N, C-alpha and C. Protein backbone atom coordinates (compact mmCIF):
# COMPACT_ATOMS: atom_id res chain seq x y z
N MET A 1 -7.97 1.14 0.57
CA MET A 1 -7.37 2.19 -0.23
C MET A 1 -7.85 2.02 -1.66
N CYS A 2 -7.81 3.08 -2.39
CA CYS A 2 -8.16 3.03 -3.80
C CYS A 2 -7.19 3.90 -4.58
N GLU A 3 -7.20 3.74 -5.87
CA GLU A 3 -6.27 4.45 -6.73
C GLU A 3 -6.91 5.73 -7.27
N VAL A 4 -6.21 6.83 -7.12
CA VAL A 4 -6.65 8.12 -7.68
C VAL A 4 -5.78 8.40 -8.89
N ILE A 5 -6.41 8.67 -10.03
CA ILE A 5 -5.65 8.89 -11.26
C ILE A 5 -5.97 10.27 -11.82
N LYS A 6 -5.08 10.75 -12.64
CA LYS A 6 -5.25 12.04 -13.31
C LYS A 6 -5.59 11.75 -14.77
N ASN A 7 -6.72 12.30 -15.25
CA ASN A 7 -7.09 12.06 -16.64
C ASN A 7 -6.33 13.02 -17.56
N HIS A 8 -6.56 12.90 -18.86
CA HIS A 8 -5.82 13.72 -19.82
C HIS A 8 -6.20 15.20 -19.78
N TRP A 9 -7.25 15.57 -19.05
CA TRP A 9 -7.61 16.98 -18.86
C TRP A 9 -6.98 17.56 -17.60
N GLY A 10 -6.26 16.72 -16.85
CA GLY A 10 -5.60 17.18 -15.63
C GLY A 10 -6.46 17.09 -14.39
N GLU A 11 -7.62 16.43 -14.50
CA GLU A 11 -8.52 16.28 -13.35
C GLU A 11 -8.26 14.94 -12.66
N TYR A 12 -8.38 14.94 -11.34
CA TYR A 12 -8.17 13.72 -10.56
C TYR A 12 -9.51 13.03 -10.31
N TYR A 13 -9.50 11.70 -10.31
CA TYR A 13 -10.70 10.94 -9.97
C TYR A 13 -10.30 9.58 -9.40
N VAL A 14 -11.23 8.96 -8.66
CA VAL A 14 -11.01 7.63 -8.10
C VAL A 14 -11.30 6.62 -9.19
N ASP A 15 -10.33 5.74 -9.46
CA ASP A 15 -10.49 4.72 -10.48
C ASP A 15 -11.58 3.74 -10.07
N THR A 16 -11.98 2.85 -10.96
CA THR A 16 -13.09 1.92 -10.74
C THR A 16 -12.85 1.03 -9.52
N ALA A 17 -13.89 0.45 -9.01
CA ALA A 17 -13.85 -0.38 -7.80
C ALA A 17 -12.91 -1.57 -7.95
N GLU A 18 -12.66 -2.02 -9.18
CA GLU A 18 -11.77 -3.16 -9.38
C GLU A 18 -10.32 -2.83 -9.01
N HIS A 19 -10.02 -1.56 -8.81
CA HIS A 19 -8.65 -1.16 -8.50
C HIS A 19 -8.41 -0.91 -7.01
N PHE A 20 -9.35 -1.31 -6.16
CA PHE A 20 -9.11 -1.24 -4.72
C PHE A 20 -7.97 -2.19 -4.39
N PHE A 21 -7.16 -1.85 -3.40
CA PHE A 21 -6.05 -2.72 -3.08
C PHE A 21 -5.75 -2.71 -1.59
N ASP A 22 -5.07 -3.74 -1.17
CA ASP A 22 -4.70 -3.93 0.23
C ASP A 22 -3.19 -3.91 0.33
N VAL A 23 -2.64 -3.21 1.30
CA VAL A 23 -1.19 -3.14 1.46
C VAL A 23 -0.67 -4.15 2.47
N GLY A 24 -1.56 -4.93 3.09
CA GLY A 24 -1.14 -5.97 4.02
C GLY A 24 -0.67 -5.45 5.37
N LEU A 25 -1.00 -4.20 5.69
CA LEU A 25 -0.59 -3.60 6.96
C LEU A 25 -1.82 -3.22 7.77
N ARG A 26 -1.70 -3.25 9.09
CA ARG A 26 -2.80 -2.80 9.96
C ARG A 26 -2.90 -1.29 9.94
N LYS A 27 -1.75 -0.62 9.85
CA LYS A 27 -1.73 0.84 9.91
C LYS A 27 -0.63 1.35 9.00
N ILE A 28 -0.95 2.31 8.14
CA ILE A 28 0.04 2.94 7.28
C ILE A 28 0.53 4.20 7.98
N THR A 29 1.85 4.33 8.14
CA THR A 29 2.41 5.50 8.79
C THR A 29 3.07 6.46 7.80
N GLU A 30 3.43 5.95 6.62
CA GLU A 30 4.08 6.79 5.62
C GLU A 30 3.86 6.22 4.22
N ILE A 31 3.57 7.09 3.29
CA ILE A 31 3.54 6.71 1.87
C ILE A 31 4.85 7.21 1.29
N VAL A 32 5.76 6.30 1.01
CA VAL A 32 7.08 6.67 0.52
C VAL A 32 6.97 7.25 -0.88
N GLY A 33 6.16 6.62 -1.73
CA GLY A 33 5.95 7.12 -3.09
C GLY A 33 5.94 6.00 -4.09
N CYS A 34 6.01 6.39 -5.36
CA CYS A 34 6.02 5.44 -6.45
C CYS A 34 7.40 5.52 -7.11
N ILE A 35 8.18 4.45 -6.95
CA ILE A 35 9.55 4.41 -7.46
C ILE A 35 9.70 3.16 -8.33
N ASP A 36 10.15 3.33 -9.55
CA ASP A 36 10.32 2.21 -10.50
C ASP A 36 9.05 1.38 -10.62
N HIS A 37 7.91 2.04 -10.76
CA HIS A 37 6.60 1.40 -10.93
C HIS A 37 6.15 0.61 -9.71
N GLN A 38 6.76 0.87 -8.56
CA GLN A 38 6.35 0.23 -7.32
C GLN A 38 5.84 1.27 -6.34
N LEU A 39 4.66 1.03 -5.76
CA LEU A 39 4.15 1.85 -4.66
C LEU A 39 4.79 1.34 -3.39
N ILE A 40 5.33 2.25 -2.58
CA ILE A 40 6.03 1.84 -1.37
C ILE A 40 5.38 2.50 -0.16
N PHE A 41 5.04 1.67 0.83
CA PHE A 41 4.41 2.12 2.06
C PHE A 41 5.24 1.67 3.26
N ILE A 42 5.20 2.45 4.32
CA ILE A 42 5.75 2.03 5.61
C ILE A 42 4.59 2.03 6.58
N GLY A 43 4.54 0.98 7.39
CA GLY A 43 3.44 0.89 8.34
C GLY A 43 3.71 -0.15 9.40
N LYS A 44 2.67 -0.47 10.14
CA LYS A 44 2.80 -1.39 11.27
C LYS A 44 1.85 -2.56 11.13
N ASN A 45 2.29 -3.67 11.70
CA ASN A 45 1.48 -4.87 11.77
C ASN A 45 1.68 -5.50 13.14
N TYR A 46 0.90 -6.50 13.44
CA TYR A 46 0.88 -7.09 14.78
C TYR A 46 2.01 -8.08 15.03
N ASP A 47 2.55 -8.00 16.24
CA ASP A 47 3.40 -9.05 16.77
C ASP A 47 2.47 -10.00 17.52
N THR A 48 2.98 -11.10 17.99
CA THR A 48 2.16 -12.14 18.62
C THR A 48 1.30 -11.64 19.77
N ASN A 49 1.83 -10.80 20.64
CA ASN A 49 1.11 -10.37 21.84
C ASN A 49 0.61 -8.94 21.79
N ASP A 50 0.54 -8.33 20.62
CA ASP A 50 0.08 -6.95 20.51
C ASP A 50 -1.42 -6.82 20.74
N ALA A 51 -1.81 -5.73 21.41
CA ALA A 51 -3.23 -5.42 21.59
C ALA A 51 -3.82 -5.00 20.25
N ASN A 52 -5.14 -5.09 20.12
CA ASN A 52 -5.82 -4.86 18.85
C ASN A 52 -5.47 -3.53 18.17
N ASN A 53 -5.38 -2.45 18.90
CA ASN A 53 -5.11 -1.15 18.29
C ASN A 53 -3.66 -0.71 18.38
N TYR A 54 -2.75 -1.61 18.76
CA TYR A 54 -1.36 -1.22 18.97
C TYR A 54 -0.38 -2.17 18.29
N PRO A 55 -0.38 -2.22 16.96
CA PRO A 55 0.61 -3.05 16.28
C PRO A 55 2.01 -2.48 16.50
N SER A 56 3.00 -3.35 16.70
CA SER A 56 4.33 -2.86 17.08
C SER A 56 5.42 -3.13 16.04
N LEU A 57 5.17 -4.00 15.08
CA LEU A 57 6.20 -4.34 14.10
C LEU A 57 6.13 -3.38 12.92
N LYS A 58 7.27 -2.79 12.54
CA LYS A 58 7.33 -1.81 11.46
C LYS A 58 7.79 -2.50 10.17
N TYR A 59 7.03 -2.28 9.09
CA TYR A 59 7.31 -2.92 7.81
C TYR A 59 7.38 -1.90 6.68
N LYS A 60 8.10 -2.27 5.64
CA LYS A 60 8.07 -1.54 4.37
C LYS A 60 7.46 -2.52 3.36
N THR A 61 6.42 -2.08 2.66
CA THR A 61 5.71 -2.94 1.73
C THR A 61 5.77 -2.35 0.32
N TYR A 62 6.02 -3.20 -0.66
CA TYR A 62 6.13 -2.80 -2.06
C TYR A 62 4.99 -3.44 -2.85
N LEU A 63 4.31 -2.63 -3.67
CA LEU A 63 3.25 -3.12 -4.53
C LEU A 63 3.56 -2.79 -5.98
N MET A 64 3.15 -3.67 -6.89
CA MET A 64 3.27 -3.43 -8.33
C MET A 64 1.98 -3.88 -9.00
N LYS A 65 1.68 -3.28 -10.14
CA LYS A 65 0.50 -3.71 -10.90
C LYS A 65 0.81 -5.01 -11.62
N ASN A 66 -0.15 -5.93 -11.57
CA ASN A 66 0.02 -7.20 -12.28
C ASN A 66 -0.51 -7.07 -13.70
N SER A 67 -0.57 -8.17 -14.43
CA SER A 67 -1.01 -8.14 -15.83
C SER A 67 -2.48 -7.74 -15.98
N ASN A 68 -3.26 -7.85 -14.89
CA ASN A 68 -4.66 -7.42 -14.90
C ASN A 68 -4.82 -5.98 -14.41
N LEU A 69 -3.70 -5.27 -14.25
CA LEU A 69 -3.66 -3.89 -13.79
C LEU A 69 -4.18 -3.72 -12.37
N LYS A 70 -4.02 -4.75 -11.55
CA LYS A 70 -4.37 -4.68 -10.13
C LYS A 70 -3.09 -4.67 -9.32
N TRP A 71 -3.11 -3.99 -8.17
CA TRP A 71 -1.93 -3.87 -7.31
C TRP A 71 -1.76 -5.13 -6.48
N ASP A 72 -0.57 -5.71 -6.55
CA ASP A 72 -0.21 -6.88 -5.74
C ASP A 72 0.99 -6.54 -4.87
N ILE A 73 1.03 -7.15 -3.69
CA ILE A 73 2.20 -7.01 -2.83
C ILE A 73 3.30 -7.88 -3.42
N VAL A 74 4.46 -7.28 -3.70
CA VAL A 74 5.58 -8.03 -4.26
C VAL A 74 6.67 -8.29 -3.23
N LYS A 75 6.72 -7.45 -2.19
CA LYS A 75 7.73 -7.65 -1.16
C LYS A 75 7.32 -6.92 0.10
N THR A 76 7.56 -7.55 1.25
CA THR A 76 7.34 -6.93 2.55
C THR A 76 8.58 -7.20 3.38
N GLU A 77 9.15 -6.13 3.95
CA GLU A 77 10.34 -6.33 4.76
C GLU A 77 10.19 -5.67 6.13
N LEU A 78 10.61 -6.39 7.14
CA LEU A 78 10.60 -5.88 8.51
C LEU A 78 11.73 -4.87 8.65
N ILE A 79 11.42 -3.68 9.17
CA ILE A 79 12.45 -2.66 9.35
C ILE A 79 12.49 -2.24 10.82
N ASP A 80 13.57 -1.61 11.21
CA ASP A 80 13.82 -1.15 12.60
C ASP A 80 14.04 -2.33 13.47
């Protein structure tokens, strides 16, 4: 994934390659949004016996920008 930003002219563009980030999930099923400066995703990851294309554990993952303006995972919680 990469970050898409809106410049001061109102145009959208993909930010530099240094802003690529990983959400720690095998599959993203929902982008909840950006709340209190945190990007929130819901998705799936593997359980011990899951087949390669069928992760079964559902997670909510929170990301925040660090002091270097890169997205870091700050919390992951198992849901359902």
